[in-house]
Amino acid sequence: MVGAAIDGLDAVEKAQALQPDLVILDIGMPRLNGIEAAKRIRLVAPQSKILFVSVERSDDVVEAAMAAGAQAYIAKADVESKLLPALDALFLKK
C-alpha cells in the first residue's frame, strides 16, 4: 500500500501524486462520493486500475461506477470470495 485517503477529494489528490497501480474506492465517501472520485482519478491517473468495494449492490450503482472508470466492483459481502479473483483478473489478463 502506498497511500490511504480520508475522503474522495483526498483519494483524487493521492492518486495524482502517487500514480498507483490500483485504487480501491467505496461509493459512500465524505466530501466527494466514489463515483465522482473515480471520474477525476481517471483523468489524473489514467493508468491506475479502479476497484470499488462497497455495500451498495444495486445494478444502477454498479453501472455508474463502471461508467465512471472502474474496472471491477465487489460488494463488501462478497469480498472474501471475490477479491483475489478480481485482482487476478485486473492484473493478469492480457
N, C-alpha and C. Protein backbone atom coordinates (compact mmCIF):
# COMPACT_ATOMS: atom_id res chain seq x y z
N MET A 1 0.84 -1.17 0.00
CA MET A 1 0.00 0.00 0.00
C MET A 1 0.89 1.23 0.00
N VAL A 2 0.56 2.16 -0.87
CA VAL A 2 1.34 3.39 -0.96
C VAL A 2 0.63 4.59 -0.37
N GLY A 3 -0.66 4.45 -0.09
CA GLY A 3 -1.38 5.57 0.47
C GLY A 3 -2.78 5.21 0.88
N ALA A 4 -3.33 6.00 1.76
CA ALA A 4 -4.72 5.85 2.20
C ALA A 4 -5.32 7.25 2.23
N ALA A 5 -6.58 7.33 1.86
CA ALA A 5 -7.26 8.62 1.79
C ALA A 5 -8.37 8.70 2.83
N ILE A 6 -8.64 9.90 3.29
CA ILE A 6 -9.68 10.09 4.31
C ILE A 6 -11.04 10.41 3.69
N ASP A 7 -11.06 10.80 2.40
CA ASP A 7 -12.31 11.10 1.71
C ASP A 7 -12.06 11.08 0.21
N GLY A 8 -13.10 11.34 -0.55
CA GLY A 8 -13.00 11.28 -2.00
C GLY A 8 -12.03 12.29 -2.60
N LEU A 9 -12.03 13.51 -2.10
CA LEU A 9 -11.10 14.52 -2.62
C LEU A 9 -9.66 14.14 -2.31
N ASP A 10 -9.44 13.62 -1.13
CA ASP A 10 -8.10 13.17 -0.75
C ASP A 10 -7.67 12.00 -1.64
N ALA A 11 -8.60 11.13 -1.99
CA ALA A 11 -8.28 9.99 -2.88
C ALA A 11 -7.80 10.50 -4.24
N VAL A 12 -8.45 11.50 -4.77
CA VAL A 12 -8.05 12.07 -6.06
C VAL A 12 -6.66 12.69 -5.95
N GLU A 13 -6.43 13.46 -4.90
CA GLU A 13 -5.12 14.10 -4.71
C GLU A 13 -4.01 13.06 -4.56
N LYS A 14 -4.28 12.02 -3.77
CA LYS A 14 -3.26 10.98 -3.58
C LYS A 14 -3.02 10.21 -4.88
N ALA A 15 -4.07 9.92 -5.62
CA ALA A 15 -3.90 9.21 -6.89
C ALA A 15 -3.04 10.03 -7.85
N GLN A 16 -3.27 11.33 -7.89
CA GLN A 16 -2.48 12.19 -8.76
C GLN A 16 -1.01 12.21 -8.32
N ALA A 17 -0.78 12.32 -7.04
CA ALA A 17 0.58 12.42 -6.54
C ALA A 17 1.33 11.09 -6.60
N LEU A 18 0.64 9.98 -6.31
CA LEU A 18 1.31 8.69 -6.18
C LEU A 18 1.25 7.81 -7.43
N GLN A 19 0.29 8.09 -8.33
CA GLN A 19 0.13 7.29 -9.55
C GLN A 19 0.16 5.79 -9.26
N PRO A 20 -0.77 5.32 -8.41
CA PRO A 20 -0.76 3.91 -8.00
C PRO A 20 -1.22 2.97 -9.12
N ASP A 21 -0.84 1.71 -9.01
CA ASP A 21 -1.33 0.69 -9.93
C ASP A 21 -2.81 0.43 -9.70
N LEU A 22 -3.23 0.49 -8.44
CA LEU A 22 -4.60 0.16 -8.06
C LEU A 22 -5.14 1.19 -7.08
N VAL A 23 -6.40 1.59 -7.31
CA VAL A 23 -7.12 2.46 -6.38
C VAL A 23 -8.38 1.70 -5.97
N ILE A 24 -8.57 1.54 -4.67
CA ILE A 24 -9.77 0.89 -4.15
C ILE A 24 -10.65 1.98 -3.55
N LEU A 25 -11.88 2.06 -4.04
CA LEU A 25 -12.81 3.10 -3.60
C LEU A 25 -14.09 2.48 -3.06
N ASP A 26 -14.79 3.26 -2.25
CA ASP A 26 -16.14 2.94 -1.80
C ASP A 26 -17.06 3.96 -2.46
N ILE A 27 -18.32 3.63 -2.57
CA ILE A 27 -19.28 4.59 -3.13
C ILE A 27 -19.49 5.74 -2.16
N GLY A 28 -19.77 5.40 -0.90
CA GLY A 28 -20.09 6.42 0.10
C GLY A 28 -18.85 6.93 0.79
N MET A 29 -18.35 8.08 0.33
CA MET A 29 -17.19 8.72 0.97
C MET A 29 -17.54 10.18 1.22
N PRO A 30 -16.97 10.75 2.28
CA PRO A 30 -17.23 12.17 2.56
C PRO A 30 -16.63 13.07 1.49
N ARG A 31 -17.18 14.26 1.40
CA ARG A 31 -16.73 15.37 0.54
C ARG A 31 -16.83 15.10 -0.95
N LEU A 32 -16.65 13.88 -1.40
CA LEU A 32 -16.77 13.55 -2.82
C LEU A 32 -17.05 12.05 -2.90
N ASN A 33 -18.19 11.69 -3.46
CA ASN A 33 -18.52 10.26 -3.48
C ASN A 33 -17.58 9.50 -4.41
N GLY A 34 -17.60 8.18 -4.27
CA GLY A 34 -16.67 7.34 -5.01
C GLY A 34 -16.81 7.44 -6.51
N ILE A 35 -18.01 7.60 -7.00
CA ILE A 35 -18.21 7.69 -8.44
C ILE A 35 -17.56 8.96 -9.00
N GLU A 36 -17.78 10.08 -8.32
CA GLU A 36 -17.15 11.32 -8.76
C GLU A 36 -15.64 11.25 -8.60
N ALA A 37 -15.18 10.63 -7.52
CA ALA A 37 -13.74 10.47 -7.31
C ALA A 37 -13.14 9.62 -8.44
N ALA A 38 -13.82 8.55 -8.83
CA ALA A 38 -13.31 7.69 -9.90
C ALA A 38 -13.18 8.47 -11.21
N LYS A 39 -14.16 9.30 -11.52
CA LYS A 39 -14.10 10.11 -12.74
C LYS A 39 -12.86 11.01 -12.73
N ARG A 40 -12.61 11.62 -11.60
CA ARG A 40 -11.45 12.53 -11.50
C ARG A 40 -10.14 11.75 -11.51
N ILE A 41 -10.12 10.61 -10.83
CA ILE A 41 -8.91 9.79 -10.80
C ILE A 41 -8.58 9.31 -12.21
N ARG A 42 -9.58 8.96 -12.97
CA ARG A 42 -9.37 8.51 -14.35
C ARG A 42 -8.64 9.59 -15.14
N LEU A 43 -8.89 10.86 -14.85
CA LEU A 43 -8.24 11.96 -15.55
C LEU A 43 -6.82 12.21 -15.06
N VAL A 44 -6.58 12.10 -13.76
CA VAL A 44 -5.26 12.45 -13.21
C VAL A 44 -4.31 11.27 -13.09
N ALA A 45 -4.85 10.06 -13.13
CA ALA A 45 -4.02 8.85 -13.05
C ALA A 45 -4.62 7.79 -13.99
N PRO A 46 -4.56 8.03 -15.29
CA PRO A 46 -5.26 7.18 -16.24
C PRO A 46 -4.80 5.73 -16.28
N GLN A 47 -3.58 5.46 -15.85
CA GLN A 47 -3.09 4.08 -15.86
C GLN A 47 -3.55 3.29 -14.62
N SER A 48 -4.03 3.98 -13.60
CA SER A 48 -4.47 3.31 -12.37
C SER A 48 -5.73 2.49 -12.63
N LYS A 49 -5.75 1.29 -12.11
CA LYS A 49 -6.96 0.47 -12.16
C LYS A 49 -7.81 0.85 -10.96
N ILE A 50 -9.11 0.92 -11.15
CA ILE A 50 -10.02 1.31 -10.08
C ILE A 50 -10.92 0.14 -9.74
N LEU A 51 -10.93 -0.23 -8.47
CA LEU A 51 -11.76 -1.31 -7.94
C LEU A 51 -12.66 -0.72 -6.88
N PHE A 52 -13.95 -0.90 -7.02
CA PHE A 52 -14.89 -0.49 -6.00
C PHE A 52 -15.18 -1.66 -5.07
N VAL A 53 -15.20 -1.38 -3.79
CA VAL A 53 -15.65 -2.32 -2.76
C VAL A 53 -16.66 -1.54 -1.94
N SER A 54 -17.92 -1.95 -2.01
CA SER A 54 -18.98 -1.15 -1.40
C SER A 54 -20.13 -2.01 -0.92
N VAL A 55 -20.91 -1.47 0.01
CA VAL A 55 -22.12 -2.16 0.46
C VAL A 55 -23.22 -2.02 -0.58
N GLU A 56 -23.11 -1.04 -1.45
CA GLU A 56 -24.12 -0.82 -2.49
C GLU A 56 -24.11 -1.99 -3.46
N ARG A 57 -25.31 -2.52 -3.76
CA ARG A 57 -25.40 -3.67 -4.65
C ARG A 57 -26.33 -3.44 -5.85
N SER A 58 -26.96 -2.29 -5.91
CA SER A 58 -27.94 -2.09 -6.98
C SER A 58 -27.23 -2.03 -8.34
N ASP A 59 -27.93 -2.52 -9.35
CA ASP A 59 -27.38 -2.52 -10.71
C ASP A 59 -27.06 -1.10 -11.17
N ASP A 60 -27.90 -0.14 -10.80
CA ASP A 60 -27.67 1.25 -11.22
C ASP A 60 -26.36 1.80 -10.66
N VAL A 61 -26.08 1.49 -9.40
CA VAL A 61 -24.85 1.98 -8.77
C VAL A 61 -23.63 1.30 -9.40
N VAL A 62 -23.72 0.00 -9.60
CA VAL A 62 -22.60 -0.73 -10.22
C VAL A 62 -22.35 -0.19 -11.63
N GLU A 63 -23.39 0.02 -12.40
CA GLU A 63 -23.24 0.57 -13.75
C GLU A 63 -22.63 1.96 -13.73
N ALA A 64 -23.04 2.78 -12.77
CA ALA A 64 -22.49 4.13 -12.66
C ALA A 64 -21.00 4.08 -12.30
N ALA A 65 -20.64 3.17 -11.42
CA ALA A 65 -19.23 3.02 -11.04
C ALA A 65 -18.39 2.58 -12.23
N MET A 66 -18.89 1.63 -12.99
CA MET A 66 -18.15 1.16 -14.15
C MET A 66 -18.06 2.25 -15.22
N ALA A 67 -19.13 3.00 -15.40
CA ALA A 67 -19.13 4.10 -16.36
C ALA A 67 -18.16 5.21 -15.95
N ALA A 68 -17.92 5.33 -14.64
CA ALA A 68 -17.01 6.35 -14.13
C ALA A 68 -15.55 5.96 -14.32
N GLY A 69 -15.30 4.72 -14.73
CA GLY A 69 -13.92 4.32 -14.99
C GLY A 69 -13.42 3.14 -14.21
N ALA A 70 -14.27 2.54 -13.39
CA ALA A 70 -13.84 1.36 -12.63
C ALA A 70 -13.68 0.15 -13.54
N GLN A 71 -12.74 -0.71 -13.20
CA GLN A 71 -12.56 -1.96 -13.93
C GLN A 71 -13.22 -3.13 -13.21
N ALA A 72 -13.55 -2.94 -11.92
CA ALA A 72 -14.18 -4.02 -11.16
C ALA A 72 -14.99 -3.43 -10.02
N TYR A 73 -15.98 -4.20 -9.58
CA TYR A 73 -16.87 -3.78 -8.50
C TYR A 73 -17.21 -5.02 -7.68
N ILE A 74 -16.99 -4.94 -6.38
CA ILE A 74 -17.29 -6.07 -5.49
C ILE A 74 -18.13 -5.55 -4.33
N ALA A 75 -19.21 -6.25 -4.03
CA ALA A 75 -19.99 -5.93 -2.84
C ALA A 75 -19.19 -6.37 -1.62
N LYS A 76 -19.23 -5.56 -0.56
CA LYS A 76 -18.46 -5.90 0.64
C LYS A 76 -18.80 -7.28 1.18
N ALA A 77 -20.05 -7.70 1.02
CA ALA A 77 -20.45 -9.03 1.50
C ALA A 77 -19.75 -10.15 0.73
N ASP A 78 -19.22 -9.85 -0.46
CA ASP A 78 -18.58 -10.85 -1.30
C ASP A 78 -17.06 -10.75 -1.34
N VAL A 79 -16.49 -9.86 -0.55
CA VAL A 79 -15.05 -9.60 -0.61
C VAL A 79 -14.24 -10.87 -0.37
N GLU A 80 -14.62 -11.65 0.61
CA GLU A 80 -13.83 -12.83 0.96
C GLU A 80 -13.66 -13.78 -0.22
N SER A 81 -14.71 -13.97 -0.99
CA SER A 81 -14.63 -14.92 -2.10
C SER A 81 -14.25 -14.29 -3.44
N LYS A 82 -14.42 -12.98 -3.57
CA LYS A 82 -14.25 -12.37 -4.90
C LYS A 82 -13.06 -11.42 -5.04
N LEU A 83 -12.45 -11.01 -3.93
CA LEU A 83 -11.37 -10.02 -4.04
C LEU A 83 -10.17 -10.57 -4.80
N LEU A 84 -9.63 -11.70 -4.41
CA LEU A 84 -8.45 -12.22 -5.09
C LEU A 84 -8.71 -12.56 -6.56
N PRO A 85 -9.84 -13.20 -6.90
CA PRO A 85 -10.11 -13.40 -8.33
C PRO A 85 -10.23 -12.08 -9.10
N ALA A 86 -10.79 -11.06 -8.49
CA ALA A 86 -10.90 -9.76 -9.17
C ALA A 86 -9.52 -9.16 -9.41
N LEU A 87 -8.65 -9.25 -8.41
CA LEU A 87 -7.29 -8.72 -8.58
C LEU A 87 -6.54 -9.50 -9.64
N ASP A 88 -6.69 -10.81 -9.65
CA ASP A 88 -6.06 -11.62 -10.70
C ASP A 88 -6.55 -11.16 -12.07
N ALA A 89 -7.85 -10.97 -12.20
CA ALA A 89 -8.41 -10.54 -13.49
C ALA A 89 -7.88 -9.16 -13.91
N LEU A 90 -7.72 -8.28 -12.94
CA LEU A 90 -7.24 -6.93 -13.27
C LEU A 90 -5.79 -6.91 -13.71
N PHE A 91 -4.96 -7.74 -13.07
CA PHE A 91 -3.52 -7.64 -13.30
C PHE A 91 -2.92 -8.78 -14.12
N LEU A 92 -3.68 -9.85 -14.30
CA LEU A 92 -3.12 -10.98 -15.04
C LEU A 92 -3.71 -11.15 -16.42
N LYS A 93 -4.81 -10.44 -16.72
CA LYS A 93 -5.39 -10.61 -18.06
C LYS A 93 -4.52 -9.91 -19.09
N LYS A 94 -4.48 -10.52 -20.23
CA LYS A 94 -3.62 -10.00 -21.31
C LYS A 94 -4.44 -9.50 -22.45
